[in-house]
Amino acid sequence: MALWAVTAPHSDDALTFVDLHRDVTLADLRAAIEAGMTSIEHIKRFTTIGTGPDQGRTSGVLTAGIVAQWLGRSMDQVGGTQQRPPAVPIPFAALAGPDRGDLLYPARRTPMHDWHVARGAVFEDVGQWKRARYYPRGGEDMRAAVLRECRAAREGVAVLDASTLGKIIVAGHDAPVFLDRVYTGKFSSLGVGRCRYGVMCGADGMVLDDGVAVRLSDHRYLVTTTSGNAETVLAWLEEWAQEEWPDLCVHFTHATDHFATVSVVGPRSRDVMARIAPDLDVSAEGFPFMRFRDATVAGVPARVLRVSFTGELTFEIYVCSWYGRAVWEAVMAAGEPHGITPYGTETMHVLRAEKGFIVVGHETDGSVTPLDLGMGWAVSKRKDFVGKRSLSRPDTARDDREQLVGLLPDDTGHVLAEGAQLVAGPPGAASGAASGAPAAWPMPVAPPPRPAPTQGRVTSAYDSAALGRTFGLGLLRGGHERHGERLYAVHLDRIVPVTVTDPVFYDKEGLRRDG
């Protein structure tokens, strides 16, 4: 009879390894048998033997032999453990097979992409999308180009390719009921032809996504999402419709690629729209904020929304994607007398941050509720929705949660580092920054004996043409009640004094959105 367990006299079974992947020893096997295990599958689960990356290929036969020897059985009677894929190692050639350059991770491009390339746009990846980040002119760096684009949007007219926004058609007899359940606000009361901003939460009450929903008819809505989150939101909606509420008559169409979106922004945007859509009443009275109109724009059937992610007068033009570039060029031609300026995602972020508008992924990270962001106005107290119960948990209802605030650095030309930690600051930080310039370690005085506890972090920071200085947004413990406090933003070797403010820096009354 073969000997499967061969040990020296007085050897320690706890140091005799049988499975090197799971560090299972003879002592572990003996303990399993002494506990009454006689099935090889029970022993496997008791010891975790054979559950490593090799799925027992290096230890399976040895284990079966040892167990058979100790139980006085044959190996046929003991048997072997079930191997799960990959029981056979995967060759590197198979792993490398799908690598076909761009086909490995296909890039998505808007219908206006070639126009942006021809105008020298610098691109960034947003999800799989290639988005124009900024359009440098005459050797401008990003900061100069963004300031110029921001001025155009605030003072004249500018245009953004917003085709990457997620677009989902929610339709069916129960579409209003369904949206009431997945959004924190109420959408069944939204009138046809109107738009409403909404927030979605996960079951834990944390912000999942946000966007504008448009009621196209009694039982049909267009829901917009953030650019990189469309597939996530669609899967979320499908999950709730199919698994939790199968009794509801509702279905979804992923329409992101179906529509190109041109966002015309700024005080002169009404002049541009009047030229390319002469039959559309674009006056403030005829086309109020948060409404949509079906119209002919540049000779093309279009849907125009009066929404704003910048705080300025804005018209978002939705057309079938194959008309996207033609409409874009028509907008550029109509705006040429007014100095129309294309702007990219970096300028978009500056403009929205000046208004205190959030971006999912910047001001949220899966641990932030709508209430933390000061969005209690978007959370219904009269209806139930996904995540509502979680908002009343002691942890999510406490007053010292990290909450959205504005930040103004003492050094008005310094752009805070996103992710910088907000601390009360050691005494050395205050003395080292007395001149208003950022201080750096080593400080003139001894550093604190232990790290200062963080009270929050910077989520967004930019230079602002409208404000004439830099500013930022952040999440701060109990921040809603701490406006006016002085803190320090710490990043690597820099310590920058900042003042906590309201997160809305520009046009708090919202007067500019009507032009």
Protein backbone atom coordinates (compact mmCIF):
# COMPACT_ATOMS: atom_id res chain seq x y z
CA MET A 1 0.00 0.00 0.00
CA ALA A 2 1.35 3.41 -0.92
CA LEU A 3 2.34 5.77 1.86
CA TRP A 4 0.95 9.22 1.17
CA ALA A 5 1.89 10.91 4.43
CA VAL A 6 5.54 10.38 5.26
CA THR A 7 6.85 12.36 8.24
CA ALA A 8 9.92 12.21 10.42
CA PRO A 9 9.63 11.15 14.05
CA HIS A 10 8.35 13.89 16.30
CA SER A 11 7.66 16.13 13.28
CA ASP A 12 5.01 18.82 13.58
CA ASP A 13 1.95 18.06 11.43
CA ALA A 14 1.05 21.76 11.57
CA LEU A 15 4.17 22.50 9.50
CA THR A 16 3.67 19.71 6.97
CA PHE A 17 1.85 21.36 4.10
CA VAL A 18 -0.43 19.46 1.75
CA ASP A 19 -1.90 22.38 -0.24
CA LEU A 20 0.58 25.19 -0.80
CA HIS A 21 -2.12 27.47 -2.26
CA ARG A 22 -4.31 27.41 0.85
CA ASP A 23 -1.61 26.56 3.43
CA VAL A 24 -3.51 23.43 4.46
CA THR A 25 -1.43 21.07 6.59
CA LEU A 26 -1.63 17.48 7.82
CA ALA A 27 -2.93 18.88 11.12
CA ASP A 28 -5.83 20.50 9.30
CA LEU A 29 -6.75 17.23 7.58
CA ARG A 30 -6.47 15.35 10.88
CA ALA A 31 -8.74 17.93 12.56
CA ALA A 32 -11.36 17.46 9.85
CA ILE A 33 -11.40 13.70 10.26
CA GLU A 34 -11.46 13.96 14.04
CA ALA A 35 -14.47 16.27 13.70
CA GLY A 36 -16.33 13.46 11.97
CA MET A 37 -15.76 14.34 8.32
CA THR A 38 -15.59 11.27 6.07
CA SER A 39 -16.66 12.73 2.70
CA ILE A 40 -13.85 14.24 0.64
CA GLU A 41 -16.14 17.15 -0.28
CA HIS A 42 -16.84 17.86 3.41
CA ILE A 43 -13.13 17.72 4.18
CA LYS A 44 -12.47 20.11 1.31
CA ARG A 45 -14.88 22.67 2.69
CA PHE A 46 -13.75 22.18 6.29
CA THR A 47 -10.09 22.83 5.39
CA THR A 48 -10.47 24.87 2.11
CA ILE A 49 -8.05 22.42 0.50
CA GLY A 50 -8.30 22.44 -3.28
CA THR A 51 -10.06 25.80 -3.47
CA GLY A 52 -7.00 27.78 -4.54
CA PRO A 53 -6.13 28.98 -8.04
CA ASP A 54 -5.06 25.46 -9.10
CA GLN A 55 -8.44 23.99 -8.05
CA GLY A 56 -6.67 21.03 -6.42
CA ARG A 57 -4.51 19.98 -9.35
CA THR A 58 -1.37 20.08 -7.19
CA SER A 59 -2.92 18.70 -4.01
CA GLY A 60 -6.02 16.70 -5.00
CA VAL A 61 -4.42 13.29 -5.49
CA LEU A 62 -2.24 13.73 -2.41
CA THR A 63 -5.25 14.67 -0.30
CA ALA A 64 -7.29 11.71 -1.52
CA GLY A 65 -4.39 9.37 -0.75
CA ILE A 66 -3.90 10.70 2.78
CA VAL A 67 -7.61 10.54 3.58
CA ALA A 68 -7.90 7.01 2.15
CA GLN A 69 -4.88 5.90 4.19
CA TRP A 70 -6.27 7.34 7.43
CA LEU A 71 -9.84 6.08 6.89
CA GLY A 72 -8.72 2.63 5.77
CA ARG A 73 -10.40 2.94 2.39
CA SER A 74 -9.29 2.75 -1.20
CA MET A 75 -8.77 5.92 -3.23
CA ASP A 76 -11.65 4.86 -5.47
CA GLN A 77 -13.91 4.83 -2.44
CA VAL A 78 -12.72 8.24 -1.26
CA GLY A 79 -12.85 9.84 -4.70
CA GLY A 80 -11.64 13.31 -5.64
CA THR A 81 -12.92 16.84 -5.23
CA GLN A 82 -14.84 18.66 -7.93
CA GLN A 83 -12.60 20.95 -9.96
CA ARG A 84 -14.04 24.20 -11.21
CA PRO A 85 -12.77 26.26 -14.14
CA PRO A 86 -10.11 27.15 -14.78
CA ALA A 87 -8.98 23.64 -13.84
CA VAL A 88 -6.45 23.87 -16.66
CA PRO A 89 -4.22 26.98 -16.71
CA ILE A 90 -5.10 29.52 -19.38
CA PRO A 91 -2.22 30.11 -21.80
CA PHE A 92 -1.08 33.70 -22.19
CA ALA A 93 -1.70 33.41 -25.93
CA ALA A 94 -5.41 33.04 -25.23
CA LEU A 95 -5.40 36.09 -22.98
CA ALA A 96 -3.60 38.15 -25.60
CA GLY A 97 -5.91 37.02 -28.37
CA PRO A 98 -8.61 39.71 -27.92
CA ASP A 99 -6.01 42.51 -27.96
CA ARG A 100 -6.75 44.14 -31.30
CA GLY A 101 -5.76 47.71 -30.62
CA ASP A 102 -8.76 50.02 -30.58
CA LEU A 103 -11.12 47.03 -30.73
CA LEU A 104 -10.06 45.95 -27.23
CA TYR A 105 -11.75 49.04 -25.74
CA PRO A 106 -13.70 50.78 -28.51
CA ALA A 107 -13.75 54.58 -28.35
CA ARG A 108 -17.08 56.33 -28.87
CA ARG A 109 -17.17 59.55 -30.86
CA THR A 110 -19.92 62.08 -31.34
CA PRO A 111 -21.17 63.06 -34.82
CA MET A 112 -19.21 66.33 -34.45
CA HIS A 113 -15.91 64.64 -33.55
CA ASP A 114 -14.11 65.38 -36.83
CA TRP A 115 -15.08 69.06 -36.54
CA HIS A 116 -13.47 69.21 -33.09
CA VAL A 117 -10.32 67.52 -34.38
CA ALA A 118 -10.05 70.00 -37.25
CA ARG A 119 -10.30 72.90 -34.77
CA GLY A 120 -7.46 71.60 -32.65
CA ALA A 121 -9.47 70.39 -29.68
CA VAL A 122 -7.68 68.60 -26.86
CA PHE A 123 -9.65 65.51 -25.90
CA GLU A 124 -10.24 63.57 -22.72
CA ASP A 125 -11.86 60.20 -22.10
CA VAL A 126 -15.25 60.27 -20.37
CA GLY A 127 -16.27 56.67 -20.02
CA GLN A 128 -15.66 55.39 -23.56
CA TRP A 129 -16.39 58.78 -25.10
CA LYS A 130 -13.81 61.08 -26.64
CA ARG A 131 -14.87 64.54 -25.47
CA ALA A 132 -13.33 67.87 -26.39
CA ARG A 133 -11.75 69.24 -23.20
CA TYR A 134 -10.76 72.67 -24.52
CA TYR A 135 -9.90 74.45 -27.77
CA PRO A 136 -6.51 76.21 -27.54
CA ARG A 137 -5.81 79.17 -29.81
CA GLY A 138 -2.47 80.73 -30.66
CA GLY A 139 -0.36 78.72 -28.25
CA GLU A 140 -2.73 79.03 -25.28
CA ASP A 141 -2.31 76.63 -22.41
CA MET A 142 -5.38 75.00 -20.89
CA ARG A 143 -5.86 77.67 -18.22
CA ALA A 144 -5.86 80.54 -20.73
CA ALA A 145 -8.12 78.70 -23.17
CA VAL A 146 -10.64 77.81 -20.46
CA LEU A 147 -10.78 81.37 -19.13
CA ARG A 148 -11.48 82.62 -22.67
CA GLU A 149 -14.22 80.02 -23.20
CA CYS A 150 -15.78 80.86 -19.83
CA ARG A 151 -15.94 84.57 -20.70
CA ALA A 152 -17.67 83.77 -23.96
CA ALA A 153 -20.32 81.70 -22.18
CA ARG A 154 -20.92 84.33 -19.50
CA GLU A 155 -20.72 87.44 -21.68
CA GLY A 156 -21.67 86.42 -25.23
CA VAL A 157 -22.51 83.02 -26.65
CA ALA A 158 -20.78 79.65 -26.58
CA VAL A 159 -21.62 76.15 -27.71
CA LEU A 160 -20.98 72.69 -26.24
CA ASP A 161 -21.18 69.27 -27.86
CA ALA A 162 -23.34 67.51 -25.25
CA SER A 163 -24.11 64.44 -27.37
CA THR A 164 -22.45 62.15 -24.83
CA LEU A 165 -25.18 62.72 -22.25
CA GLY A 166 -26.95 59.46 -21.47
CA LYS A 167 -30.46 59.34 -22.95
CA ILE A 168 -33.03 56.71 -22.00
CA ILE A 169 -36.64 56.58 -23.19
CA VAL A 170 -38.90 55.34 -20.38
CA ALA A 171 -42.31 54.39 -21.78
CA GLY A 172 -45.37 52.40 -20.83
CA HIS A 173 -48.64 52.85 -18.98
CA ASP A 174 -46.85 52.73 -15.60
CA ALA A 175 -43.86 54.91 -16.57
CA PRO A 176 -44.97 57.77 -14.23
CA VAL A 177 -45.33 55.36 -11.30
CA PHE A 178 -41.98 53.75 -12.03
CA LEU A 179 -40.10 57.06 -12.17
CA ASP A 180 -41.71 58.13 -8.90
CA ARG A 181 -40.19 55.04 -7.32
CA VAL A 182 -36.63 55.42 -8.65
CA TYR A 183 -36.25 59.22 -8.38
CA THR A 184 -36.22 61.08 -5.08
CA GLY A 185 -38.65 63.64 -6.54
CA LYS A 186 -42.10 63.21 -8.02
CA PHE A 187 -42.41 62.83 -11.78
CA SER A 188 -45.99 61.63 -12.18
CA SER A 189 -47.13 65.20 -11.55
CA LEU A 190 -44.84 66.62 -14.25
CA GLY A 191 -46.85 68.13 -17.07
CA VAL A 192 -46.37 67.12 -20.70
CA GLY A 193 -43.87 69.52 -22.30
CA ARG A 194 -42.05 70.16 -19.04
CA CYS A 195 -38.66 69.15 -17.65
CA ARG A 196 -37.59 68.36 -14.09
CA TYR A 197 -34.23 67.76 -12.46
CA GLY A 198 -34.03 64.50 -10.56
CA VAL A 199 -31.71 62.47 -8.35
CA MET A 200 -31.50 58.67 -8.16
CA CYS A 201 -30.29 56.93 -5.02
CA GLY A 202 -29.07 53.44 -4.41
CA ALA A 203 -30.84 51.29 -1.85
CA ASP A 204 -28.35 52.67 0.69
CA GLY A 205 -29.63 56.23 0.13
CA MET A 206 -26.43 57.39 -1.57
CA VAL A 207 -26.55 59.36 -4.82
CA LEU A 208 -26.35 57.07 -7.83
CA ASP A 209 -26.90 59.56 -10.66
CA ASP A 210 -28.70 62.76 -11.57
CA GLY A 211 -30.13 64.36 -14.67
CA VAL A 212 -33.17 65.93 -16.29
CA ALA A 213 -36.33 64.01 -17.14
CA VAL A 214 -38.60 65.33 -19.90
CA ARG A 215 -42.25 64.28 -20.16
CA LEU A 216 -42.88 63.75 -23.86
CA SER A 217 -46.44 62.44 -23.46
CA ASP A 218 -48.67 60.93 -20.80
CA HIS A 219 -46.78 57.64 -20.80
CA ARG A 220 -43.42 58.52 -22.33
CA TYR A 221 -40.37 60.25 -20.81
CA LEU A 222 -36.86 61.11 -21.95
CA VAL A 223 -34.43 60.63 -19.05
CA THR A 224 -30.91 62.02 -19.24
CA THR A 225 -27.93 60.72 -17.25
CA THR A 226 -24.29 61.63 -16.77
CA SER A 227 -22.09 60.73 -19.74
CA GLY A 228 -20.21 57.87 -18.11
CA ASN A 229 -23.18 56.45 -16.24
CA ALA A 230 -25.79 55.72 -18.92
CA GLU A 231 -25.24 51.96 -19.00
CA THR A 232 -25.17 51.77 -15.20
CA VAL A 233 -28.45 53.65 -14.90
CA LEU A 234 -30.10 51.59 -17.64
CA ALA A 235 -29.09 48.37 -15.89
CA TRP A 236 -30.39 49.80 -12.61
CA LEU A 237 -33.77 50.63 -14.15
CA GLU A 238 -34.00 47.22 -15.83
CA GLU A 239 -33.20 45.47 -12.56
CA TRP A 240 -35.97 47.17 -10.64
CA ALA A 241 -38.49 46.76 -13.45
CA GLN A 242 -37.78 43.07 -14.02
CA GLU A 243 -36.98 41.78 -10.54
CA GLU A 244 -38.81 44.01 -8.06
CA TRP A 245 -41.82 45.43 -9.91
CA PRO A 246 -42.61 43.02 -12.78
CA ASP A 247 -46.26 44.00 -12.47
CA LEU A 248 -45.53 47.48 -13.86
CA CYS A 249 -45.99 48.09 -17.59
CA VAL A 250 -42.79 49.94 -18.42
CA HIS A 251 -39.94 49.47 -20.88
CA PHE A 252 -36.71 51.25 -21.75
CA THR A 253 -34.86 52.26 -24.91
CA HIS A 254 -31.21 53.23 -24.75
CA ALA A 255 -31.16 56.28 -27.05
CA THR A 256 -27.78 57.86 -26.26
CA ASP A 257 -26.36 57.19 -29.71
CA HIS A 258 -29.62 58.07 -31.45
CA PHE A 259 -29.46 61.78 -30.68
CA ALA A 260 -26.82 64.47 -31.09
CA THR A 261 -27.10 67.34 -28.64
CA VAL A 262 -25.94 70.90 -29.23
CA SER A 263 -26.03 73.18 -26.18
CA VAL A 264 -26.16 76.89 -27.05
CA VAL A 265 -25.21 78.94 -23.98
CA GLY A 266 -24.96 82.58 -23.02
CA PRO A 267 -26.76 85.95 -23.08
CA ARG A 268 -26.70 86.00 -26.91
CA SER A 269 -27.92 82.42 -27.34
CA ARG A 270 -31.45 83.66 -28.00
CA ASP A 271 -30.16 85.64 -31.01
CA VAL A 272 -28.53 82.51 -32.41
CA MET A 273 -31.66 80.42 -31.92
CA ALA A 274 -33.84 83.06 -33.58
CA ARG A 275 -31.72 82.75 -36.74
CA ILE A 276 -31.67 78.95 -37.01
CA ALA A 277 -35.24 78.36 -35.73
CA PRO A 278 -37.27 81.33 -37.03
CA ASP A 279 -40.62 79.63 -36.35
CA LEU A 280 -39.78 78.94 -32.69
CA ASP A 281 -40.76 81.53 -30.10
CA VAL A 282 -37.56 81.79 -28.06
CA SER A 283 -38.69 84.66 -25.83
CA ALA A 284 -38.68 84.17 -22.06
CA GLU A 285 -42.48 84.33 -22.07
CA GLY A 286 -42.99 82.06 -25.07
CA PHE A 287 -40.38 79.50 -24.05
CA PRO A 288 -40.02 79.44 -20.24
CA PHE A 289 -37.29 77.73 -18.28
CA MET A 290 -37.60 73.91 -17.83
CA ARG A 291 -39.82 73.46 -20.90
CA PHE A 292 -39.25 71.74 -24.23
CA ARG A 293 -40.54 72.43 -27.72
CA ASP A 294 -40.61 70.36 -30.89
CA ALA A 295 -39.33 72.62 -33.66
CA THR A 296 -37.48 72.83 -36.94
CA VAL A 297 -33.87 73.89 -36.34
CA ALA A 298 -31.58 74.57 -39.30
CA GLY A 299 -34.16 72.79 -41.46
CA VAL A 300 -34.05 69.65 -39.30
CA PRO A 301 -36.75 68.23 -36.98
CA ALA A 302 -35.51 68.86 -33.46
CA ARG A 303 -36.48 68.87 -29.81
CA VAL A 304 -35.28 71.95 -27.92
CA LEU A 305 -34.96 72.04 -24.13
CA ARG A 306 -34.71 75.17 -21.98
CA VAL A 307 -32.48 73.78 -19.27
CA SER A 308 -29.16 75.03 -17.94
CA PHE A 309 -26.07 73.41 -16.47
CA THR A 310 -24.22 76.73 -16.49
CA GLY A 311 -26.70 79.14 -14.94
CA GLU A 312 -26.85 81.07 -18.22
CA LEU A 313 -29.63 81.23 -20.79
CA THR A 314 -29.34 77.88 -22.56
CA PHE A 315 -31.04 76.03 -25.40
CA GLU A 316 -30.27 72.32 -25.75
CA ILE A 317 -30.99 71.10 -29.28
CA TYR A 318 -31.64 67.34 -29.75
CA VAL A 319 -31.58 66.02 -33.32
CA CYS A 320 -31.11 62.60 -34.89
CA SER A 321 -27.42 61.81 -34.78
CA TRP A 322 -26.92 61.90 -38.56
CA TYR A 323 -27.95 65.58 -38.52
CA GLY A 324 -25.61 66.41 -35.63
CA ARG A 325 -22.73 67.96 -37.52
CA ALA A 326 -24.98 69.90 -39.91
CA VAL A 327 -26.87 71.49 -37.03
CA TRP A 328 -23.61 72.18 -35.17
CA GLU A 329 -22.18 74.01 -38.18
CA ALA A 330 -25.44 75.93 -38.62
CA VAL A 331 -25.20 77.08 -35.00
CA MET A 332 -21.59 78.14 -35.51
CA ALA A 333 -22.51 80.10 -38.66
CA ALA A 334 -25.48 81.80 -36.97
CA GLY A 335 -23.36 82.74 -33.97
CA GLU A 336 -20.36 84.03 -35.91
CA PRO A 337 -21.54 87.69 -35.81
CA HIS A 338 -21.72 87.36 -32.01
CA GLY A 339 -18.30 85.74 -31.62
CA ILE A 340 -19.65 82.30 -30.81
CA THR A 341 -17.03 80.12 -29.09
CA PRO A 342 -16.97 76.34 -28.80
CA TYR A 343 -16.14 75.16 -25.30
CA GLY A 344 -15.19 71.84 -23.81
CA THR A 345 -15.65 69.81 -20.69
CA GLU A 346 -13.14 71.79 -18.60
CA THR A 347 -15.08 75.02 -19.15
CA MET A 348 -18.31 73.14 -18.52
CA HIS A 349 -16.98 72.13 -15.10
CA VAL A 350 -15.94 75.67 -14.23
CA LEU A 351 -19.33 77.10 -15.18
CA ARG A 352 -21.32 74.48 -13.27
CA ALA A 353 -19.09 74.74 -10.18
CA GLU A 354 -19.55 78.53 -10.09
CA LYS A 355 -23.25 77.77 -9.69
CA GLY A 356 -22.68 75.06 -7.09
CA PHE A 357 -23.97 72.32 -9.41
CA ILE A 358 -22.61 68.86 -8.67
CA VAL A 359 -21.08 66.26 -10.95
CA VAL A 360 -21.56 62.63 -9.99
CA GLY A 361 -18.06 61.27 -9.43
CA HIS A 362 -16.67 64.63 -8.32
CA GLU A 363 -18.97 65.67 -5.49
CA THR A 364 -20.18 62.11 -4.95
CA ASP A 365 -18.29 58.89 -4.33
CA GLY A 366 -20.94 56.41 -3.21
CA SER A 367 -21.02 57.77 0.35
CA VAL A 368 -22.93 61.03 -0.24
CA THR A 369 -26.69 61.54 0.12
CA PRO A 370 -28.81 64.22 -1.57
CA LEU A 371 -29.17 65.89 1.83
CA ASP A 372 -25.38 66.11 2.17
CA LEU A 373 -25.38 68.05 -1.10
CA GLY A 374 -28.04 70.49 0.10
CA MET A 375 -30.61 68.95 -2.23
CA GLY A 376 -33.39 68.47 0.24
CA TRP A 377 -35.61 70.39 -2.18
CA ALA A 378 -35.27 67.47 -4.64
CA VAL A 379 -36.27 64.82 -2.08
CA SER A 380 -39.99 64.18 -1.67
CA LYS A 381 -41.37 63.79 1.83
CA ARG A 382 -44.74 62.50 0.59
CA LYS A 383 -43.82 59.43 -1.43
CA ASP A 384 -41.62 56.39 -1.15
CA PHE A 385 -38.60 55.85 -3.40
CA VAL A 386 -35.54 53.63 -3.62
CA GLY A 387 -33.22 54.59 -0.78
CA LYS A 388 -35.68 56.70 1.22
CA ARG A 389 -35.65 54.43 4.27
CA SER A 390 -31.85 54.58 4.36
CA LEU A 391 -31.92 58.39 4.60
CA SER A 392 -33.45 58.09 8.06
CA ARG A 393 -30.79 55.78 9.48
CA PRO A 394 -28.86 57.31 12.40
CA ASP A 395 -25.64 57.38 10.36
CA THR A 396 -27.12 59.14 7.34
CA ALA A 397 -29.22 61.53 9.45
CA ARG A 398 -26.44 62.76 11.76
CA ASP A 399 -25.50 66.44 11.60
CA ASP A 400 -21.73 65.97 11.28
CA ARG A 401 -21.79 64.18 7.93
CA GLU A 402 -19.59 65.57 5.17
CA GLN A 403 -21.65 68.21 3.39
CA LEU A 404 -21.15 70.33 0.27
CA VAL A 405 -19.48 73.72 0.79
CA GLY A 406 -17.66 76.35 -1.22
CA LEU A 407 -13.97 77.09 -0.65
CA LEU A 408 -12.06 80.33 -1.30
CA PRO A 409 -8.25 80.06 -0.97
CA ASP A 410 -6.44 83.05 0.54
CA ASP A 411 -4.07 82.92 -2.43
CA THR A 412 -6.55 83.99 -5.12
CA GLY A 413 -4.35 82.65 -7.91
CA HIS A 414 -3.78 79.19 -6.47
CA VAL A 415 -5.96 76.34 -7.77
CA LEU A 416 -6.53 73.86 -4.97
CA ALA A 417 -5.62 70.25 -5.61
CA GLU A 418 -8.68 68.07 -6.00
CA GLY A 419 -8.56 65.55 -3.19
CA ALA A 420 -6.67 67.89 -0.85
CA GLN A 421 -7.61 67.26 2.79
CA LEU A 422 -9.33 69.96 4.83
CA VAL A 423 -7.95 70.31 8.35
CA ALA A 424 -8.20 72.81 11.17
CA GLY A 425 -4.45 73.17 10.71
CA PRO A 426 -1.44 73.08 13.03
CA PRO A 427 -0.24 76.43 14.43
CA GLY A 428 2.66 76.26 12.01
CA ALA A 429 0.29 76.39 9.03
CA ALA A 430 -1.18 79.69 10.19
CA SER A 431 2.18 81.34 10.85
CA GLY A 432 3.71 79.99 7.65
CA ALA A 433 0.84 81.40 5.58
CA ALA A 434 0.66 84.81 7.24
CA SER A 435 1.69 86.51 4.03
CA GLY A 436 -1.11 84.86 2.09
CA ALA A 437 1.30 82.63 0.14
CA PRO A 438 0.95 78.85 0.42
CA ALA A 439 3.26 77.35 3.00
CA ALA A 440 5.27 74.17 2.57
CA TRP A 441 6.96 71.65 4.83
CA PRO A 442 9.33 71.94 6.57
CA MET A 443 7.52 74.66 8.50
CA PRO A 444 9.27 77.39 10.51
CA VAL A 445 7.98 75.66 13.65
CA ALA A 446 8.02 71.99 14.56
CA PRO A 447 5.32 69.90 12.83
CA PRO A 448 2.50 68.56 15.02
CA PRO A 449 3.32 65.45 17.03
CA ARG A 450 0.66 63.52 15.11
CA PRO A 451 -1.27 64.17 11.88
CA ALA A 452 -4.12 66.67 12.09
CA PRO A 453 -7.44 64.83 11.69
CA THR A 454 -9.10 65.45 8.35
CA GLN A 455 -12.47 67.18 8.35
CA GLY A 456 -13.23 66.85 4.67
CA ARG A 457 -11.76 67.15 1.21
CA VAL A 458 -11.69 69.28 -1.92
CA THR A 459 -13.86 67.77 -4.67
CA SER A 460 -13.49 70.38 -7.45
CA ALA A 461 -11.26 73.43 -7.91
CA TYR A 462 -10.90 75.90 -10.78
CA ASP A 463 -9.84 79.38 -11.87
CA SER A 464 -12.84 81.60 -12.62
CA ALA A 465 -13.05 84.41 -15.15
CA ALA A 466 -16.39 85.57 -13.70
CA LEU A 467 -15.09 85.70 -10.12
CA GLY A 468 -11.63 86.97 -11.02
CA ARG A 469 -10.02 84.41 -8.73
CA THR A 470 -9.79 80.71 -7.94
CA PHE A 471 -12.40 78.80 -5.97
CA GLY A 472 -13.41 75.27 -5.09
CA LEU A 473 -16.10 72.93 -3.85
CA GLY A 474 -15.61 70.43 -1.08
CA LEU A 475 -17.23 68.06 1.36
CA LEU A 476 -16.82 69.14 4.98
CA ARG A 477 -18.10 67.63 8.21
CA GLY A 478 -21.15 69.61 9.27
CA GLY A 479 -20.31 71.99 6.45
CA HIS A 480 -23.78 73.51 6.08
CA GLU A 481 -23.33 75.27 9.44
CA ARG A 482 -19.68 76.23 9.02
CA HIS A 483 -19.75 78.99 6.44
CA GLY A 484 -17.16 81.63 7.26
CA GLU A 485 -14.76 79.28 9.04
CA ARG A 486 -11.07 79.27 8.17
CA LEU A 487 -9.47 75.91 7.38
CA TYR A 488 -6.39 74.59 5.59
CA ALA A 489 -6.25 72.51 2.42
CA VAL A 490 -3.32 70.11 2.66
CA HIS A 491 -1.90 68.33 -0.36
CA LEU A 492 1.56 66.77 -0.41
CA ASP A 493 3.90 69.54 0.83
CA ARG A 494 1.48 72.46 0.40
CA ILE A 495 -0.77 73.99 3.04
CA VAL A 496 -3.24 76.54 1.69
CA PRO A 497 -5.55 78.60 3.96
CA VAL A 498 -9.16 78.59 2.75
CA THR A 499 -12.45 80.14 3.84
CA VAL A 500 -15.60 78.02 3.89
CA THR A 501 -18.48 79.60 1.96
CA ASP A 502 -21.83 78.87 0.38
CA PRO A 503 -21.29 76.56 -2.64
CA VAL A 504 -23.10 78.96 -5.01
CA PHE A 505 -20.60 81.61 -6.10
CA TYR A 506 -22.36 83.14 -9.10
CA ASP A 507 -25.87 84.55 -9.65
CA LYS A 508 -27.43 83.07 -6.51
CA GLU A 509 -30.82 84.49 -7.49
CA GLY A 510 -30.81 82.59 -10.79
CA LEU A 511 -31.67 85.65 -12.86
CA ARG A 512 -29.32 84.97 -15.75
CA ARG A 513 -30.91 81.72 -16.90
CA ASP A 514 -33.65 83.73 -18.64
CA GLY A 515 -31.17 86.05 -20.37
